[in-house]
């Protein structure tokens, strides 16, 4: 499965990409919302992991744009957030995310969410 991971933190990218790759997935990286939107359109991933706190276009807005684009609206999006403030899950789901998880990521739990969306 091809996963697009939109994340601006190099450490997070390294850890999660390594674990997803070892689990057999192909991982494409984008470092901000605009690059994530472009990569989703170009790569047509099976699933997107979207950091919410991104420079420029944040994860909420990037997800809204992807979910209104006929070419990308069916791609499941899991929001990832390090802040986990009250209401963030609801805000992410309202933006069009299909699920929500907090950082640091519980990898086994994330794999369950990924499988459930596919």
C-alpha atoms as a PDB file:
ATOM      1  CA  UNK A   1       0.000   0.000   0.000  1.00  0.00           C
ATOM      2  CA  UNK A   2       1.177   3.519  -0.771  1.00  0.00           C
ATOM      3  CA  UNK A   3       0.902   5.981   2.112  1.00  0.00           C
ATOM      4  CA  UNK A   4       1.431   9.727   1.830  1.00  0.00           C
ATOM      5  CA  UNK A   5       2.809  11.116   5.097  1.00  0.00           C
ATOM      6  CA  UNK A   6       2.501  14.908   5.350  1.00  0.00           C
ATOM      7  CA  UNK A   7       4.828  15.968   8.167  1.00  0.00           C
ATOM      8  CA  UNK A   8       7.326  18.789   8.717  1.00  0.00           C
ATOM      9  CA  UNK A   9       9.288  17.244  11.612  1.00  0.00           C
ATOM     10  CA  UNK A  10      12.290  15.255  10.362  1.00  0.00           C
ATOM     11  CA  UNK A  11      12.422  13.022  13.452  1.00  0.00           C
ATOM     12  CA  UNK A  12       8.756  12.065  13.106  1.00  0.00           C
ATOM     13  CA  UNK A  13       9.251  11.378   9.396  1.00  0.00           C
ATOM     14  CA  UNK A  14      12.244   9.154  10.047  1.00  0.00           C
ATOM     15  CA  UNK A  15      10.574   7.088  12.761  1.00  0.00           C
ATOM     16  CA  UNK A  16       7.163   6.591  11.169  1.00  0.00           C
ATOM     17  CA  UNK A  17       8.461   6.125   7.617  1.00  0.00           C
ATOM     18  CA  UNK A  18      10.923   3.482   8.827  1.00  0.00           C
ATOM     19  CA  UNK A  19       8.235   1.576  10.716  1.00  0.00           C
ATOM     20  CA  UNK A  20       5.702   1.770   7.887  1.00  0.00           C
ATOM     21  CA  UNK A  21       8.320   0.648   5.364  1.00  0.00           C
ATOM     22  CA  UNK A  22       9.260  -2.330   7.558  1.00  0.00           C
ATOM     23  CA  UNK A  23       5.546  -3.167   7.702  1.00  0.00           C
ATOM     24  CA  UNK A  24       5.577  -3.425   3.897  1.00  0.00           C
ATOM     25  CA  UNK A  25       4.197  -0.047   2.856  1.00  0.00           C
ATOM     26  CA  UNK A  26       5.582   2.419   0.345  1.00  0.00           C
ATOM     27  CA  UNK A  27       5.802   5.856   1.963  1.00  0.00           C
ATOM     28  CA  UNK A  28       5.818   9.176   0.122  1.00  0.00           C
ATOM     29  CA  UNK A  29       6.730  12.265   2.159  1.00  0.00           C
ATOM     30  CA  UNK A  30       5.505  15.855   1.847  1.00  0.00           C
ATOM     31  CA  UNK A  31       6.743  18.544   4.253  1.00  0.00           C
ATOM     32  CA  UNK A  32       3.843  20.998   4.185  1.00  0.00           C
ATOM     33  CA  UNK A  33       0.196  21.284   3.215  1.00  0.00           C
ATOM     34  CA  UNK A  34       0.752  22.573  -0.320  1.00  0.00           C
ATOM     35  CA  UNK A  35       3.279  19.825  -1.054  1.00  0.00           C
ATOM     36  CA  UNK A  36       0.884  17.285   0.477  1.00  0.00           C
ATOM     37  CA  UNK A  37      -1.957  18.357  -1.801  1.00  0.00           C
ATOM     38  CA  UNK A  38       0.324  18.196  -4.846  1.00  0.00           C
ATOM     39  CA  UNK A  39       1.707  14.783  -3.830  1.00  0.00           C
ATOM     40  CA  UNK A  40      -1.795  13.376  -3.274  1.00  0.00           C
ATOM     41  CA  UNK A  41      -2.843  14.495  -6.753  1.00  0.00           C
ATOM     42  CA  UNK A  42       0.345  13.180  -8.360  1.00  0.00           C
ATOM     43  CA  UNK A  43       0.915   9.954  -6.400  1.00  0.00           C
ATOM     44  CA  UNK A  44      -2.702   8.835  -5.770  1.00  0.00           C
ATOM     45  CA  UNK A  45      -1.837   7.161  -2.443  1.00  0.00           C
ATOM     46  CA  UNK A  46      -4.067   4.579  -0.809  1.00  0.00           C
ATOM     47  CA  UNK A  47      -4.099   6.589   2.437  1.00  0.00           C
ATOM     48  CA  UNK A  48      -2.807   9.898   3.807  1.00  0.00           C
ATOM     49  CA  UNK A  49      -1.360  10.533   7.260  1.00  0.00           C
ATOM     50  CA  UNK A  50      -1.788  14.279   7.805  1.00  0.00           C
ATOM     51  CA  UNK A  51      -0.005  16.284  10.481  1.00  0.00           C
ATOM     52  CA  UNK A  52      -2.306  19.103  11.514  1.00  0.00           C
ATOM     53  CA  UNK A  53       0.334  21.686  12.506  1.00  0.00           C
ATOM     54  CA  UNK A  54       2.083  22.390   9.233  1.00  0.00           C
ATOM     55  CA  UNK A  55       3.770  25.544   7.949  1.00  0.00           C
ATOM     56  CA  UNK A  56       1.800  27.536   5.393  1.00  0.00           C
ATOM     57  CA  UNK A  57      -1.328  25.551   4.615  1.00  0.00           C
ATOM     58  CA  UNK A  58      -2.110  23.572   7.783  1.00  0.00           C
ATOM     59  CA  UNK A  59      -3.399  20.003   7.868  1.00  0.00           C
ATOM     60  CA  UNK A  60      -7.013  21.037   8.396  1.00  0.00           C
ATOM     61  CA  UNK A  61      -7.040  23.226   5.273  1.00  0.00           C
ATOM     62  CA  UNK A  62      -5.048  20.706   3.213  1.00  0.00           C
ATOM     63  CA  UNK A  63      -7.589  18.017   4.112  1.00  0.00           C
ATOM     64  CA  UNK A  64     -10.528  20.286   3.220  1.00  0.00           C
ATOM     65  CA  UNK A  65      -8.969  20.925  -0.199  1.00  0.00           C
ATOM     66  CA  UNK A  66      -8.291  17.232  -0.792  1.00  0.00           C
ATOM     67  CA  UNK A  67     -11.832  16.252   0.192  1.00  0.00           C
ATOM     68  CA  UNK A  68     -13.377  18.766  -2.240  1.00  0.00           C
ATOM     69  CA  UNK A  69     -11.200  17.610  -5.144  1.00  0.00           C
ATOM     70  CA  UNK A  70     -12.933  14.849  -7.167  1.00  0.00           C
ATOM     71  CA  UNK A  71      -9.557  13.207  -7.807  1.00  0.00           C
ATOM     72  CA  UNK A  72      -8.560  12.905  -4.147  1.00  0.00           C
ATOM     73  CA  UNK A  73     -11.779  13.020  -2.118  1.00  0.00           C
ATOM     74  CA  UNK A  74     -11.995   9.233  -1.739  1.00  0.00           C
ATOM     75  CA  UNK A  75      -8.487   8.874  -0.259  1.00  0.00           C
ATOM     76  CA  UNK A  76      -8.786   8.181   3.495  1.00  0.00           C
ATOM     77  CA  UNK A  77      -7.018  10.714   5.723  1.00  0.00           C
ATOM     78  CA  UNK A  78      -5.844  10.069   9.267  1.00  0.00           C
ATOM     79  CA  UNK A  79      -5.037  13.272  11.132  1.00  0.00           C
ATOM     80  CA  UNK A  80      -2.022  13.229  13.449  1.00  0.00           C
ATOM     81  CA  UNK A  81      -1.572  15.803  16.196  1.00  0.00           C
ATOM     82  CA  UNK A  82       0.990  16.320  18.945  1.00  0.00           C
ATOM     83  CA  UNK A  83      -1.178  18.899  20.680  1.00  0.00           C
ATOM     84  CA  UNK A  84      -4.282  16.797  21.395  1.00  0.00           C
ATOM     85  CA  UNK A  85      -6.313  19.749  22.607  1.00  0.00           C
ATOM     86  CA  UNK A  86      -9.983  19.393  23.470  1.00  0.00           C
ATOM     87  CA  UNK A  87     -11.984  19.570  20.257  1.00  0.00           C
ATOM     88  CA  UNK A  88      -9.083  18.755  17.910  1.00  0.00           C
ATOM     89  CA  UNK A  89     -10.540  15.358  16.979  1.00  0.00           C
ATOM     90  CA  UNK A  90     -13.913  16.900  16.164  1.00  0.00           C
ATOM     91  CA  UNK A  91     -12.252  19.725  14.214  1.00  0.00           C
ATOM     92  CA  UNK A  92     -10.211  17.205  12.199  1.00  0.00           C
ATOM     93  CA  UNK A  93     -13.266  15.092  11.425  1.00  0.00           C
ATOM     94  CA  UNK A  94     -15.212  18.227  10.434  1.00  0.00           C
ATOM     95  CA  UNK A  95     -12.390  19.125   8.017  1.00  0.00           C
ATOM     96  CA  UNK A  96     -12.887  15.748   6.316  1.00  0.00           C
ATOM     97  CA  UNK A  97     -10.399  13.497   8.090  1.00  0.00           C
ATOM     98  CA  UNK A  98     -11.567   9.907   8.359  1.00  0.00           C
ATOM     99  CA  UNK A  99      -9.823   9.286  11.681  1.00  0.00           C
ATOM    100  CA  UNK A 100      -7.577  10.988  14.210  1.00  0.00           C
ATOM    101  CA  UNK A 101      -4.564   9.933  16.259  1.00  0.00           C
ATOM    102  CA  UNK A 102      -2.214  11.651  18.661  1.00  0.00           C
ATOM    103  CA  UNK A 103       1.570  11.830  18.717  1.00  0.00           C
ATOM    104  CA  UNK A 104       3.622  10.097  19.780  1.00  0.00           C
ATOM    105  CA  UNK A 105       1.907   7.523  17.614  1.00  0.00           C
ATOM    106  CA  UNK A 106       0.950   4.141  19.042  1.00  0.00           C
ATOM    107  CA  UNK A 107       2.162   2.246  15.981  1.00  0.00           C
ATOM    108  CA  UNK A 108       0.126  -0.921  16.551  1.00  0.00           C
ATOM    109  CA  UNK A 109      -3.007   1.173  17.022  1.00  0.00           C
ATOM    110  CA  UNK A 110      -2.222   3.204  13.910  1.00  0.00           C
ATOM    111  CA  UNK A 111      -1.882   0.025  11.840  1.00  0.00           C
ATOM    112  CA  UNK A 112      -5.322  -1.061  13.051  1.00  0.00           C
ATOM    113  CA  UNK A 113      -6.772   2.296  11.977  1.00  0.00           C
ATOM    114  CA  UNK A 114      -5.060   2.059   8.589  1.00  0.00           C
ATOM    115  CA  UNK A 115      -6.462  -1.430   7.977  1.00  0.00           C
ATOM    116  CA  UNK A 116      -9.938  -0.355   9.074  1.00  0.00           C
ATOM    117  CA  UNK A 117      -9.980   2.465   6.511  1.00  0.00           C
ATOM    118  CA  UNK A 118      -8.884   0.221   3.678  1.00  0.00           C
END
